[in-house]
N, C-alpha and C. Protein backbone atom coordinates (compact mmCIF):
# COMPACT_ATOMS: atom_id res chain seq x y z
N MET A 1 23.52 64.42 69.30
CA MET A 1 21.73 64.93 68.38
C MET A 1 21.41 65.81 69.99
N PRO A 2 20.60 66.65 69.67
CA PRO A 2 19.78 67.32 70.57
C PRO A 2 18.58 66.72 70.96
N THR A 3 18.62 66.45 72.37
CA THR A 3 17.39 65.67 72.88
C THR A 3 15.59 66.28 72.13
N GLY A 4 15.20 65.67 71.73
CA GLY A 4 13.48 65.78 71.24
C GLY A 4 14.17 65.81 69.86
N ALA A 5 14.92 66.02 69.13
CA ALA A 5 14.98 66.08 67.78
C ALA A 5 14.99 65.08 67.63
N SER A 6 14.42 64.87 66.17
CA SER A 6 13.86 63.79 64.62
C SER A 6 15.37 63.01 64.37
N THR A 7 14.53 61.40 64.90
CA THR A 7 15.50 60.59 64.23
C THR A 7 15.09 60.15 62.54
N SER A 8 14.30 60.55 62.06
CA SER A 8 14.40 60.52 60.98
C SER A 8 15.34 61.28 60.00
N THR A 9 15.64 60.74 58.75
CA THR A 9 17.16 61.18 58.02
C THR A 9 15.93 61.45 57.08
N ARG A 10 16.38 62.58 56.56
CA ARG A 10 15.30 63.50 55.38
C ARG A 10 16.18 63.52 54.04
N GLY A 11 15.99 63.73 53.07
CA GLY A 11 16.82 64.09 51.84
C GLY A 11 16.95 65.76 52.12
N PRO A 12 17.70 66.00 50.13
CA PRO A 12 18.00 67.39 50.33
C PRO A 12 16.17 68.15 49.90
N TRP A 13 15.69 67.47 49.63
CA TRP A 13 13.94 68.27 49.70
C TRP A 13 13.25 67.91 50.43
N GLY A 14 13.33 67.54 51.57
CA GLY A 14 12.54 67.19 52.64
C GLY A 14 11.99 65.47 53.13
N ALA A 15 12.49 65.37 51.53
CA ALA A 15 11.66 64.34 51.79
C ALA A 15 12.08 63.03 52.89
N LYS A 16 11.88 62.23 53.07
CA LYS A 16 12.22 60.86 53.74
C LYS A 16 13.29 60.11 53.35
N ALA A 17 14.37 59.75 53.57
CA ALA A 17 15.61 58.80 53.22
C ALA A 17 15.35 58.04 53.93
N TRP A 18 14.66 56.90 52.64
CA TRP A 18 14.93 55.47 53.39
C TRP A 18 16.02 55.31 53.79
N PRO A 19 16.71 54.10 54.55
CA PRO A 19 17.89 53.96 54.86
C PRO A 19 18.47 52.57 53.63
N ARG A 20 19.41 52.30 53.76
CA ARG A 20 20.06 51.83 52.22
C ARG A 20 19.79 50.50 52.21
N HIS A 21 19.38 49.82 52.88
CA HIS A 21 19.04 48.50 53.23
C HIS A 21 17.31 48.36 53.04
N GLU A 22 16.92 48.92 53.31
CA GLU A 22 15.48 49.28 52.62
C GLU A 22 15.14 49.46 51.62
N ARG A 23 16.08 49.98 50.57
CA ARG A 23 15.80 51.03 49.20
C ARG A 23 16.26 49.77 48.26
N ARG A 24 16.03 48.76 48.41
CA ARG A 24 15.68 47.19 47.64
C ARG A 24 15.00 47.72 46.75
N TRP A 25 15.02 47.30 45.33
CA TRP A 25 13.90 47.40 44.17
C TRP A 25 13.28 45.87 44.55
N ARG A 26 11.83 45.79 44.76
CA ARG A 26 11.26 44.66 45.18
C ARG A 26 10.30 44.11 44.55
N PRO A 27 10.55 42.78 43.61
CA PRO A 27 9.23 42.84 42.18
C PRO A 27 7.83 42.41 42.63
N ALA A 28 7.10 43.51 42.07
CA ALA A 28 5.61 43.10 42.85
C ALA A 28 5.16 41.34 42.75
N SER A 29 4.36 41.36 44.15
CA SER A 29 3.75 39.80 43.68
C SER A 29 2.65 39.53 43.16
N ARG A 30 2.88 38.40 42.30
CA ARG A 30 2.02 38.07 41.67
C ARG A 30 1.54 37.28 41.53
N GLN A 31 -0.06 36.96 41.16
CA GLN A 31 -1.14 36.00 41.71
C GLN A 31 -1.37 35.15 40.53
N PRO A 32 -0.98 34.08 40.57
CA PRO A 32 -1.24 32.76 39.77
C PRO A 32 -2.23 33.04 38.75
N ARG A 33 -2.07 33.12 37.47
CA ARG A 33 -3.55 32.98 36.49
C ARG A 33 -3.74 31.34 36.26
N THR A 34 -5.38 31.91 36.05
CA THR A 34 -6.26 30.58 36.07
C THR A 34 -6.24 30.87 34.57
N PRO A 35 -6.00 29.39 34.07
CA PRO A 35 -5.86 28.57 32.59
C PRO A 35 -7.57 28.93 32.11
N SER A 36 -7.27 29.64 30.80
CA SER A 36 -8.72 29.87 29.88
C SER A 36 -9.05 27.93 29.88
N PRO A 37 -10.13 28.60 29.94
CA PRO A 37 -11.18 26.96 29.70
C PRO A 37 -10.80 26.74 28.27
N PRO A 38 -10.49 25.64 27.55
CA PRO A 38 -10.28 25.52 26.19
C PRO A 38 -11.32 25.46 25.51
N LEU A 39 -11.28 25.95 24.15
CA LEU A 39 -12.24 26.17 23.32
C LEU A 39 -12.95 24.71 22.52
N PRO A 40 -13.84 24.37 22.40
CA PRO A 40 -14.34 22.88 22.07
C PRO A 40 -14.77 23.22 21.03
N ASP A 41 -15.21 24.65 19.97
CA ASP A 41 -15.34 24.28 18.73
C ASP A 41 -13.65 24.35 18.00
N LEU A 42 -12.51 24.76 18.60
CA LEU A 42 -11.18 24.87 17.92
C LEU A 42 -11.41 23.47 18.15
N ASP A 43 -10.73 22.93 19.26
CA ASP A 43 -10.35 21.72 19.94
C ASP A 43 -10.96 20.31 18.24
N ARG A 44 -12.30 20.78 18.41
CA ARG A 44 -12.44 19.49 17.65
C ARG A 44 -12.37 19.69 16.19
N ARG A 45 -12.49 20.97 16.09
CA ARG A 45 -11.78 21.06 14.19
C ARG A 45 -10.24 20.69 14.46
N ALA A 46 -9.17 21.39 15.34
CA ALA A 46 -8.05 20.84 15.13
C ALA A 46 -7.81 18.92 15.15
N GLY A 47 -8.92 18.19 16.05
CA GLY A 47 -8.70 16.92 16.10
C GLY A 47 -8.70 16.12 14.70
N ARG A 48 -10.06 17.24 14.34
CA ARG A 48 -10.84 16.78 12.58
C ARG A 48 -9.62 16.63 11.54
N ALA A 49 -8.82 17.65 11.81
CA ALA A 49 -7.86 18.05 10.85
C ALA A 49 -6.47 17.20 10.76
N ARG A 50 -6.05 16.89 12.30
CA ARG A 50 -5.73 15.87 12.36
C ARG A 50 -5.57 14.12 12.29
N ALA A 51 -6.80 14.04 12.20
CA ALA A 51 -7.42 12.72 11.56
C ALA A 51 -7.77 12.96 10.13
N ALA A 52 -7.81 13.96 9.48
CA ALA A 52 -7.62 13.76 8.11
C ALA A 52 -6.03 13.46 7.31
N PHE A 53 -5.19 14.57 7.96
CA PHE A 53 -3.67 14.43 8.09
C PHE A 53 -3.26 12.86 7.79
N LEU A 54 -3.59 12.13 9.23
CA LEU A 54 -3.41 11.46 9.02
C LEU A 54 -3.43 10.00 8.04
N ALA A 55 -5.31 10.48 7.98
CA ALA A 55 -5.62 9.20 6.92
C ALA A 55 -4.98 9.57 5.60
N LEU A 56 -4.52 10.90 5.42
CA LEU A 56 -3.85 10.66 4.06
C LEU A 56 -2.30 10.36 3.91
N ILE A 57 -1.69 10.08 5.10
CA ILE A 57 -0.39 9.72 4.86
C ILE A 57 -0.73 8.24 5.01
N ALA A 58 -1.53 7.30 6.02
CA ALA A 58 -1.45 6.27 5.66
C ALA A 58 -2.35 5.68 4.69
N CYS A 59 -3.16 6.52 3.11
CA CYS A 59 -3.30 6.33 2.04
C CYS A 59 -2.47 6.34 0.94
N LEU A 60 -1.36 7.58 1.05
CA LEU A 60 -0.33 7.53 0.60
C LEU A 60 0.64 6.61 0.82
N GLY A 61 0.84 5.57 2.11
CA GLY A 61 1.68 4.60 2.47
C GLY A 61 1.00 3.39 1.48
N THR A 62 -0.01 2.97 1.64
CA THR A 62 -0.84 1.99 1.22
C THR A 62 -1.26 2.00 -0.59
N VAL A 63 -0.49 3.47 -0.89
CA VAL A 63 -0.28 3.22 -2.52
C VAL A 63 1.29 2.81 -2.82
N ALA A 64 1.98 3.63 -1.91
CA ALA A 64 3.30 3.41 -2.48
C ALA A 64 3.51 2.31 -2.17
N SER A 65 2.79 1.35 -1.28
CA SER A 65 3.28 -0.43 -1.13
C SER A 65 2.41 -1.11 -2.00
N ALA A 66 1.87 -0.77 -3.01
CA ALA A 66 1.09 -1.02 -3.74
C ALA A 66 1.99 -2.27 -4.79
N CYS A 67 1.70 -2.79 -6.39
CA CYS A 67 2.04 -3.74 -6.73
C CYS A 67 3.00 -2.67 -7.73
N GLY A 68 2.30 -1.21 -7.35
CA GLY A 68 2.67 -0.30 -8.82
C GLY A 68 2.26 0.07 -10.11
N SER A 69 1.49 -0.90 -10.29
CA SER A 69 0.52 -0.88 -11.06
C SER A 69 -0.93 0.41 -10.55
N PRO A 70 -1.45 1.09 -12.01
CA PRO A 70 -2.56 2.10 -11.82
C PRO A 70 -3.80 1.09 -11.24
N PRO A 71 -5.16 1.27 -10.58
CA PRO A 71 -5.77 0.87 -11.06
C PRO A 71 -6.47 0.53 -12.06
N THR A 72 -7.08 -0.85 -12.09
CA THR A 72 -7.85 -1.06 -13.65
C THR A 72 -8.92 -1.36 -13.53
N ALA A 73 -9.93 -0.68 -14.49
CA ALA A 73 -11.23 -0.82 -14.60
C ALA A 73 -11.69 -2.90 -14.69
N VAL A 74 -12.71 -3.44 -14.15
CA VAL A 74 -13.14 -4.63 -13.78
C VAL A 74 -13.74 -4.57 -15.54
N PRO A 75 -13.40 -5.65 -16.67
CA PRO A 75 -14.63 -5.31 -17.74
C PRO A 75 -15.04 -5.96 -17.37
N ALA A 76 -16.49 -5.22 -18.27
CA ALA A 76 -17.99 -5.56 -17.99
C ALA A 76 -18.24 -7.06 -18.48
N ASP A 77 -17.81 -7.60 -19.85
CA ASP A 77 -18.09 -9.06 -19.48
C ASP A 77 -17.13 -10.03 -19.20
N GLY A 78 -17.17 -10.53 -19.02
CA GLY A 78 -16.29 -11.91 -18.29
C GLY A 78 -17.55 -12.89 -17.01
N ARG A 79 -17.09 -13.65 -16.75
CA ARG A 79 -17.35 -15.05 -15.74
C ARG A 79 -16.97 -14.15 -14.10
N ASP A 80 -17.99 -14.16 -13.11
CA ASP A 80 -17.52 -14.02 -12.13
C ASP A 80 -17.33 -15.39 -10.85
N ALA A 81 -16.35 -15.13 -10.48
CA ALA A 81 -16.10 -16.58 -9.66
C ALA A 81 -15.16 -16.29 -8.54
N THR A 82 -15.29 -17.37 -7.85
CA THR A 82 -14.39 -17.35 -6.24
C THR A 82 -13.18 -18.16 -6.26
N VAL A 83 -12.31 -17.39 -5.66
CA VAL A 83 -11.23 -18.38 -5.76
C VAL A 83 -10.97 -19.50 -4.53
N ASP A 84 -10.96 -20.74 -5.20
CA ASP A 84 -10.34 -21.64 -4.03
C ASP A 84 -8.99 -21.92 -3.69
N ARG A 85 -8.55 -21.59 -4.57
CA ARG A 85 -6.90 -22.12 -4.32
C ARG A 85 -6.06 -21.77 -5.44
N VAL A 86 -4.83 -21.85 -5.08
CA VAL A 86 -3.70 -21.31 -6.13
C VAL A 86 -2.70 -23.26 -6.50
N VAL A 87 -2.73 -23.44 -7.57
CA VAL A 87 -2.03 -24.07 -8.17
C VAL A 87 -0.72 -23.59 -8.57
N ASP A 88 -0.56 -23.34 -8.84
CA ASP A 88 1.03 -22.87 -8.90
C ASP A 88 0.94 -21.28 -9.48
N GLY A 89 1.88 -21.03 -10.19
CA GLY A 89 2.17 -19.21 -10.27
C GLY A 89 0.85 -18.47 -11.61
N ASP A 90 0.65 -19.85 -12.37
CA ASP A 90 -0.59 -19.05 -13.29
C ASP A 90 -1.01 -20.19 -13.60
N THR A 91 -1.71 -20.97 -12.31
CA THR A 91 -2.60 -21.77 -12.44
C THR A 91 -3.70 -21.51 -11.43
N ILE A 92 -4.96 -21.86 -11.11
CA ILE A 92 -5.82 -21.44 -10.00
C ILE A 92 -7.08 -22.29 -10.10
N VAL A 93 -7.45 -22.47 -8.74
CA VAL A 93 -8.63 -23.21 -9.05
C VAL A 93 -10.23 -22.12 -8.50
N VAL A 94 -10.72 -22.46 -9.24
CA VAL A 94 -12.15 -21.19 -8.52
C VAL A 94 -13.62 -21.87 -8.42
N SER A 95 -14.27 -21.14 -7.97
CA SER A 95 -15.97 -21.92 -7.50
C SER A 95 -16.82 -21.12 -8.86
N LEU A 96 -17.09 -21.67 -9.58
CA LEU A 96 -17.77 -21.07 -11.01
C LEU A 96 -19.17 -21.47 -10.84
N ALA A 97 -19.93 -21.00 -11.15
CA ALA A 97 -21.73 -21.93 -11.10
C ALA A 97 -21.97 -22.52 -10.61
N GLY A 98 -21.40 -22.91 -9.35
CA GLY A 98 -21.65 -23.99 -8.73
C GLY A 98 -20.83 -25.38 -8.88
N SER A 99 -19.65 -24.91 -9.66
CA SER A 99 -18.66 -26.21 -10.23
C SER A 99 -17.47 -25.58 -9.90
N HIS A 100 -16.83 -26.55 -9.81
CA HIS A 100 -15.19 -26.21 -9.45
C HIS A 100 -14.12 -26.31 -10.65
N GLU A 101 -13.41 -25.02 -11.38
CA GLU A 101 -13.47 -25.06 -12.80
C GLU A 101 -11.62 -24.47 -12.25
N ARG A 102 -10.17 -25.41 -13.05
CA ARG A 102 -9.32 -25.14 -12.88
C ARG A 102 -9.01 -23.95 -14.18
N VAL A 103 -8.29 -22.85 -13.67
CA VAL A 103 -8.38 -21.69 -14.78
C VAL A 103 -6.73 -21.65 -14.99
N ARG A 104 -6.17 -21.84 -16.69
CA ARG A 104 -4.84 -21.38 -16.70
C ARG A 104 -4.99 -19.73 -17.06
N LEU A 105 -4.13 -18.80 -17.19
CA LEU A 105 -4.28 -17.61 -17.01
C LEU A 105 -3.42 -17.33 -18.53
N ILE A 106 -4.23 -16.87 -19.46
CA ILE A 106 -4.01 -16.80 -20.78
C ILE A 106 -2.54 -15.44 -20.79
N GLY A 107 -1.54 -15.87 -21.87
CA GLY A 107 -0.60 -14.90 -22.47
C GLY A 107 1.05 -15.04 -21.16
N VAL A 108 1.15 -15.85 -20.33
CA VAL A 108 1.69 -15.75 -19.10
C VAL A 108 2.10 -17.57 -18.84
N ASP A 109 3.99 -17.54 -18.82
CA ASP A 109 3.91 -18.84 -17.84
C ASP A 109 4.83 -18.45 -17.36
N THR A 110 4.66 -19.09 -15.77
CA THR A 110 5.57 -19.04 -14.85
C THR A 110 6.37 -19.99 -14.63
N PRO A 111 7.52 -20.41 -14.09
CA PRO A 111 8.56 -21.77 -13.54
C PRO A 111 7.23 -22.79 -12.98
N GLU A 112 7.89 -23.64 -13.75
CA GLU A 112 7.38 -25.14 -12.81
C GLU A 112 7.54 -25.39 -11.54
N THR A 113 6.36 -25.85 -11.00
CA THR A 113 6.32 -25.94 -9.10
C THR A 113 5.83 -27.66 -8.73
N VAL A 114 4.58 -27.85 -9.84
CA VAL A 114 3.60 -28.87 -9.35
C VAL A 114 3.86 -30.22 -10.37
N ASP A 115 4.61 -30.06 -11.09
CA ASP A 115 4.42 -30.94 -12.59
C ASP A 115 4.92 -31.92 -11.83
N PRO A 116 4.79 -33.32 -11.81
CA PRO A 116 6.18 -34.22 -10.87
C PRO A 116 6.76 -35.15 -12.10
N HIS A 117 6.36 -34.34 -13.40
CA HIS A 117 7.15 -35.29 -14.58
C HIS A 117 8.49 -34.04 -15.03
N ARG A 118 8.72 -32.36 -14.52
CA ARG A 118 9.36 -32.03 -15.06
C ARG A 118 9.89 -31.21 -13.73
N PRO A 119 11.10 -31.14 -14.02
CA PRO A 119 12.04 -30.36 -12.59
C PRO A 119 11.42 -29.04 -11.89
N LYS A 120 11.30 -28.65 -11.16
CA LYS A 120 10.84 -27.49 -10.63
C LYS A 120 11.91 -26.46 -10.80
N GLY A 121 10.76 -25.27 -11.33
CA GLY A 121 12.01 -24.51 -12.32
C GLY A 121 12.23 -23.44 -11.21
N CYS A 122 13.73 -22.36 -11.39
CA CYS A 122 14.05 -21.27 -10.86
C CYS A 122 12.77 -20.50 -11.12
N TYR A 123 12.86 -19.81 -9.66
CA TYR A 123 11.87 -18.54 -9.41
C TYR A 123 10.44 -19.19 -9.38
N GLY A 124 10.23 -20.43 -9.05
CA GLY A 124 9.03 -20.83 -9.37
C GLY A 124 8.08 -20.39 -8.09
N LYS A 125 8.82 -21.25 -6.91
CA LYS A 125 7.94 -20.83 -6.12
C LYS A 125 7.80 -19.47 -5.01
N GLU A 126 8.45 -18.36 -6.00
CA GLU A 126 8.46 -17.47 -5.80
C GLU A 126 7.03 -16.06 -6.46
N ALA A 127 6.85 -17.22 -7.73
CA ALA A 127 5.88 -16.82 -8.27
C ALA A 127 4.24 -17.46 -8.17
N SER A 128 4.63 -18.63 -7.22
CA SER A 128 3.33 -19.33 -6.86
C SER A 128 3.13 -18.27 -5.26
N ALA A 129 3.93 -17.53 -4.58
CA ALA A 129 3.48 -17.33 -3.66
C ALA A 129 3.35 -15.69 -4.14
N PHE A 130 3.75 -14.99 -5.00
CA PHE A 130 2.98 -13.76 -5.63
C PHE A 130 1.43 -13.63 -6.24
N THR A 131 1.21 -14.88 -6.48
CA THR A 131 -0.41 -15.39 -7.11
C THR A 131 -1.13 -15.23 -5.63
N LYS A 132 -0.66 -16.22 -4.70
CA LYS A 132 -0.94 -16.66 -4.08
C LYS A 132 -1.37 -15.17 -3.39
N SER A 133 -0.47 -14.39 -3.01
CA SER A 133 -0.49 -12.93 -2.45
C SER A 133 -1.80 -12.10 -2.42
N LEU A 134 -2.08 -12.63 -4.08
CA LEU A 134 -2.95 -11.52 -5.02
C LEU A 134 -4.65 -12.02 -4.67
N LEU A 135 -4.47 -14.05 -4.80
CA LEU A 135 -5.61 -14.27 -4.74
C LEU A 135 -5.76 -15.10 -3.44
N HIS A 136 -6.23 -14.51 -2.77
CA HIS A 136 -6.53 -15.04 -1.27
C HIS A 136 -7.44 -16.27 -1.87
N HIS A 137 -7.63 -17.03 -0.53
CA HIS A 137 -8.86 -17.77 -0.67
C HIS A 137 -10.07 -17.44 -0.56
N GLY A 138 -11.44 -17.27 -0.92
CA GLY A 138 -12.41 -16.20 -1.35
C GLY A 138 -12.23 -15.11 -2.29
N THR A 139 -11.59 -15.00 -2.13
CA THR A 139 -11.12 -13.82 -3.66
C THR A 139 -12.64 -13.96 -4.61
N GLY A 140 -12.92 -12.79 -4.41
CA GLY A 140 -13.34 -12.54 -6.06
C GLY A 140 -12.56 -12.04 -7.13
N VAL A 141 -13.43 -12.55 -8.26
CA VAL A 141 -12.58 -13.04 -9.62
C VAL A 141 -13.64 -12.48 -10.71
N ARG A 142 -12.76 -11.87 -11.71
CA ARG A 142 -13.75 -11.82 -13.03
C ARG A 142 -13.32 -12.64 -13.83
N LEU A 143 -13.53 -14.14 -14.99
CA LEU A 143 -12.84 -14.28 -16.21
C LEU A 143 -13.26 -14.20 -17.05
N VAL A 144 -12.19 -13.11 -18.23
CA VAL A 144 -13.16 -13.06 -19.09
C VAL A 144 -12.04 -13.76 -20.02
N LEU A 145 -12.50 -14.29 -20.88
CA LEU A 145 -12.24 -15.61 -22.12
C LEU A 145 -11.68 -14.75 -23.02
N ASP A 146 -10.65 -15.23 -24.24
CA ASP A 146 -10.51 -15.14 -25.39
C ASP A 146 -11.21 -16.08 -26.74
N VAL A 147 -10.85 -16.05 -27.61
CA VAL A 147 -11.36 -16.72 -28.81
C VAL A 147 -11.34 -18.22 -28.39
N GLU A 148 -10.27 -19.00 -28.09
CA GLU A 148 -10.50 -20.80 -27.45
C GLU A 148 -10.94 -20.76 -26.24
N GLU A 149 -11.67 -21.54 -25.42
CA GLU A 149 -12.25 -21.52 -24.08
C GLU A 149 -11.31 -22.25 -23.27
N ARG A 150 -10.91 -23.45 -23.61
CA ARG A 150 -10.67 -24.32 -23.07
C ARG A 150 -8.78 -24.70 -23.64
N ASP A 151 -8.48 -25.10 -23.11
CA ASP A 151 -6.68 -25.76 -23.36
C ASP A 151 -7.15 -27.57 -23.71
N ARG A 152 -6.11 -28.30 -23.71
CA ARG A 152 -6.00 -29.97 -24.16
C ARG A 152 -6.18 -30.19 -22.91
N TYR A 153 -6.20 -29.81 -22.11
CA TYR A 153 -6.36 -30.33 -20.66
C TYR A 153 -7.65 -30.15 -20.12
N HIS A 154 -8.54 -29.43 -20.89
CA HIS A 154 -9.50 -28.91 -20.47
C HIS A 154 -9.41 -27.73 -18.88
N ARG A 155 -8.32 -27.02 -18.82
CA ARG A 155 -8.75 -26.28 -17.98
C ARG A 155 -9.16 -24.81 -19.00
N LEU A 156 -9.77 -24.24 -18.01
CA LEU A 156 -10.09 -23.15 -18.58
C LEU A 156 -9.30 -21.67 -18.80
N LEU A 157 -9.58 -21.28 -20.13
CA LEU A 157 -8.51 -20.27 -20.57
C LEU A 157 -8.65 -18.67 -20.39
N ALA A 158 -8.17 -18.41 -19.69
CA ALA A 158 -8.92 -16.89 -19.11
C ALA A 158 -7.85 -15.52 -18.66
N TYR A 159 -7.76 -14.18 -18.63
CA TYR A 159 -7.75 -13.23 -18.24
C TYR A 159 -8.31 -12.94 -16.73
N VAL A 160 -7.70 -13.06 -15.68
CA VAL A 160 -7.89 -12.94 -14.67
C VAL A 160 -7.96 -10.89 -13.78
N TYR A 161 -9.48 -10.87 -13.27
CA TYR A 161 -9.24 -9.76 -13.05
C TYR A 161 -10.07 -9.92 -11.24
N ARG A 162 -9.35 -9.32 -10.54
CA ARG A 162 -9.37 -9.50 -9.33
C ARG A 162 -10.68 -8.68 -8.95
N THR A 163 -11.92 -8.42 -8.34
CA THR A 163 -13.04 -7.79 -8.44
C THR A 163 -12.96 -6.71 -8.01
N PRO A 164 -11.94 -7.06 -6.68
CA PRO A 164 -12.29 -5.68 -5.46
C PRO A 164 -11.72 -4.70 -5.97
N ASP A 165 -10.68 -4.69 -6.47
CA ASP A 165 -9.74 -3.42 -7.39
C ASP A 165 -9.50 -3.60 -8.14
N GLY A 166 -9.80 -4.52 -9.40
CA GLY A 166 -9.41 -4.45 -10.16
C GLY A 166 -8.13 -4.94 -11.33
N THR A 167 -7.69 -5.36 -9.79
CA THR A 167 -6.28 -6.36 -10.51
C THR A 167 -6.00 -6.76 -11.55
N PHE A 168 -5.60 -6.64 -12.63
CA PHE A 168 -5.11 -7.46 -13.99
C PHE A 168 -4.03 -8.90 -13.34
N VAL A 169 -4.02 -9.84 -13.23
CA VAL A 169 -3.42 -10.86 -12.69
C VAL A 169 -2.39 -11.09 -13.36
N ASN A 170 -3.07 -11.27 -14.56
CA ASN A 170 -1.66 -11.53 -16.07
C ASN A 170 -0.30 -10.70 -16.33
N ALA A 171 -0.97 -9.30 -15.53
CA ALA A 171 -0.22 -8.16 -16.03
C ALA A 171 0.62 -8.37 -14.88
N GLU A 172 -0.36 -8.35 -13.82
CA GLU A 172 0.77 -8.11 -12.29
C GLU A 172 2.20 -9.27 -12.99
N LEU A 173 1.85 -10.63 -13.00
CA LEU A 173 2.74 -11.45 -12.79
C LEU A 173 3.84 -11.22 -14.35
N ALA A 174 3.37 -10.60 -15.27
CA ALA A 174 4.55 -9.96 -16.19
C ALA A 174 5.03 -8.78 -15.48
N ARG A 175 4.38 -7.90 -15.32
CA ARG A 175 5.27 -6.86 -14.65
C ARG A 175 6.23 -7.05 -13.34
N GLY A 176 6.10 -8.15 -12.54
CA GLY A 176 7.09 -8.65 -11.29
C GLY A 176 8.10 -9.36 -11.94
N GLY A 177 8.31 -9.91 -13.15
CA GLY A 177 8.96 -10.60 -13.39
C GLY A 177 8.80 -12.07 -12.72
N TYR A 178 7.66 -12.17 -12.49
CA TYR A 178 7.65 -13.87 -12.51
C TYR A 178 7.20 -14.57 -13.16
N ALA A 179 6.89 -13.77 -14.64
CA ALA A 179 6.57 -14.94 -15.80
C ALA A 179 7.11 -14.67 -16.95
N LYS A 180 7.06 -15.34 -18.15
CA LYS A 180 7.65 -15.39 -18.96
C LYS A 180 6.55 -14.64 -20.00
N GLU A 181 6.68 -14.54 -20.89
CA GLU A 181 5.25 -14.17 -21.84
C GLU A 181 4.96 -15.65 -22.79
N LEU A 182 3.96 -16.16 -22.71
CA LEU A 182 3.44 -17.24 -24.04
C LEU A 182 2.61 -16.84 -24.29
N ARG A 183 2.59 -16.80 -25.78
CA ARG A 183 1.89 -15.83 -26.69
C ARG A 183 1.17 -17.43 -27.19
N ILE A 184 -0.25 -17.79 -27.73
CA ILE A 184 -0.76 -18.77 -28.29
C ILE A 184 -1.82 -18.67 -29.07
N ALA A 185 -1.57 -18.79 -30.73
CA ALA A 185 -3.02 -18.06 -31.10
C ALA A 185 -4.09 -19.05 -30.99
N PRO A 186 -5.49 -18.49 -31.26
CA PRO A 186 -5.68 -17.58 -31.37
C PRO A 186 -6.05 -16.70 -30.16
N ASN A 187 -5.46 -16.66 -29.22
CA ASN A 187 -5.91 -15.97 -27.95
C ASN A 187 -4.72 -14.63 -27.73
N THR A 188 -4.58 -13.96 -28.33
CA THR A 188 -3.55 -13.00 -28.05
C THR A 188 -4.20 -11.66 -28.00
N SER A 189 -5.08 -11.52 -27.18
CA SER A 189 -6.18 -10.24 -27.05
C SER A 189 -5.34 -8.88 -26.21
N HIS A 190 -4.07 -9.78 -25.72
CA HIS A 190 -3.52 -9.02 -24.89
C HIS A 190 -1.71 -9.18 -25.05
N ALA A 191 -1.71 -9.43 -25.95
CA ALA A 191 -0.70 -10.33 -26.41
C ALA A 191 0.38 -9.26 -26.22
N GLY A 192 0.07 -7.61 -26.86
CA GLY A 192 1.16 -6.88 -27.10
C GLY A 192 1.51 -6.13 -25.31
N GLU A 193 0.27 -5.53 -24.90
CA GLU A 193 0.94 -5.67 -23.05
C GLU A 193 1.74 -6.74 -22.01
N LEU A 194 1.17 -7.56 -22.67
CA LEU A 194 2.05 -8.61 -22.03
C LEU A 194 3.56 -8.48 -22.19
N ARG A 195 3.56 -8.71 -23.55
CA ARG A 195 5.41 -8.57 -24.10
C ARG A 195 5.96 -7.45 -23.15
N ALA A 196 4.76 -6.36 -23.68
CA ALA A 196 6.03 -5.42 -23.01
C ALA A 196 6.21 -5.17 -21.94
N LEU A 197 5.06 -5.75 -20.86
CA LEU A 197 5.74 -6.27 -19.82
C LEU A 197 6.92 -6.83 -19.18
N VAL A 198 6.60 -7.97 -20.07
CA VAL A 198 7.64 -8.89 -19.92
C VAL A 198 8.87 -8.18 -20.43
N GLU A 199 9.32 -7.61 -21.42
CA GLU A 199 10.68 -6.89 -21.55
C GLU A 199 10.98 -5.86 -20.64
N SER A 200 10.14 -5.36 -20.46
CA SER A 200 10.02 -3.66 -19.36
C SER A 200 10.90 -4.63 -17.91
N ALA A 201 10.27 -6.30 -17.32
CA ALA A 201 10.68 -6.42 -16.14
C ALA A 201 12.02 -7.48 -16.81
N ARG A 202 12.54 -7.71 -18.10
CA ARG A 202 13.68 -7.57 -18.50
C ARG A 202 14.64 -6.99 -18.34
N ARG A 203 14.04 -6.00 -18.81
CA ARG A 203 15.71 -5.31 -19.24
C ARG A 203 15.86 -4.45 -17.73
N ASP A 204 14.98 -4.29 -16.59
CA ASP A 204 15.19 -4.46 -15.24
C ASP A 204 15.38 -5.22 -14.47
N ARG A 205 15.63 -6.26 -15.39
CA ARG A 205 15.80 -7.71 -14.15
C ARG A 205 15.10 -7.98 -12.95
N ARG A 206 14.25 -7.62 -13.24
CA ARG A 206 13.31 -7.84 -12.26
C ARG A 206 12.83 -9.80 -11.70
N GLY A 207 12.60 -9.73 -11.05
CA GLY A 207 12.34 -11.64 -10.52
C GLY A 207 13.11 -12.42 -11.31
N LEU A 208 12.69 -13.02 -12.16
CA LEU A 208 13.78 -14.30 -12.50
C LEU A 208 14.68 -14.07 -13.68
N TRP A 209 14.33 -12.66 -14.43
CA TRP A 209 15.52 -11.86 -15.33
C TRP A 209 16.90 -11.63 -14.31
N GLY A 210 16.41 -11.48 -13.29
CA GLY A 210 17.89 -10.93 -12.07
C GLY A 210 18.13 -12.31 -11.45
N ALA A 211 17.29 -13.12 -11.24
CA ALA A 211 17.81 -14.11 -10.03
C ALA A 211 18.07 -15.65 -10.87
N CYS A 212 17.59 -15.82 -11.97
CA CYS A 212 17.56 -16.99 -13.02
C CYS A 212 18.95 -16.85 -13.94
N SER A 213 19.64 -17.54 -13.70
CA SER A 213 21.17 -17.72 -14.90
C SER A 213 20.01 -17.95 -16.33
N GLY A 214 20.31 -17.87 -17.07
CA GLY A 214 20.25 -17.85 -18.66
C GLY A 214 18.74 -17.35 -18.69
N SER A 215 18.26 -16.53 -17.96
CA SER A 215 16.93 -16.06 -18.09
C SER A 215 17.05 -15.03 -18.94
N GLY A 216 17.78 -14.12 -19.03
CA GLY A 216 18.16 -12.78 -19.59
C GLY A 216 18.88 -13.03 -20.84
């Protein structure tokens, strides 16, 4: 190469041609992004929507786990009392007007568990446990009477409704297969309803109808 000649290499159009190792593509450097601040209103609305959805799921779970019966309106007539204890599946003791009353549920008959002169009946323990699950100590109830107020044992005869939610306890015993029908005139105001529930439990072999031989 002649002395004084330029050492640069030029392309065919006179532009400077860079050496091959310097012509590689190089990505442009990126500055890290600063995250945008959250939108308070949207966050609050999303939180409220999520809370409402969870509440709905919990509500549906509660309904699904209930006894399967629709809510019942508590009858306007009747006597308000508080549960002291459950004797067995169809008998309870309540506090009523300052005294303790033994109450026999009308229209249903659960297997025997407490009479020392009678053998313990099949599924009696389960029936007692079910009634206890419905009527804890201190539960408010409304006692609705029929034509005859007391039986020969001087027990108060009643249809028992749980006042917090209207659960008709006599019907739940029949529905779940915890009791047989017991129709004694003249106290037959709900005889048709209770008979239908007992027959449904028998057909589906719920409770004692499936567990006890000779019951079906």
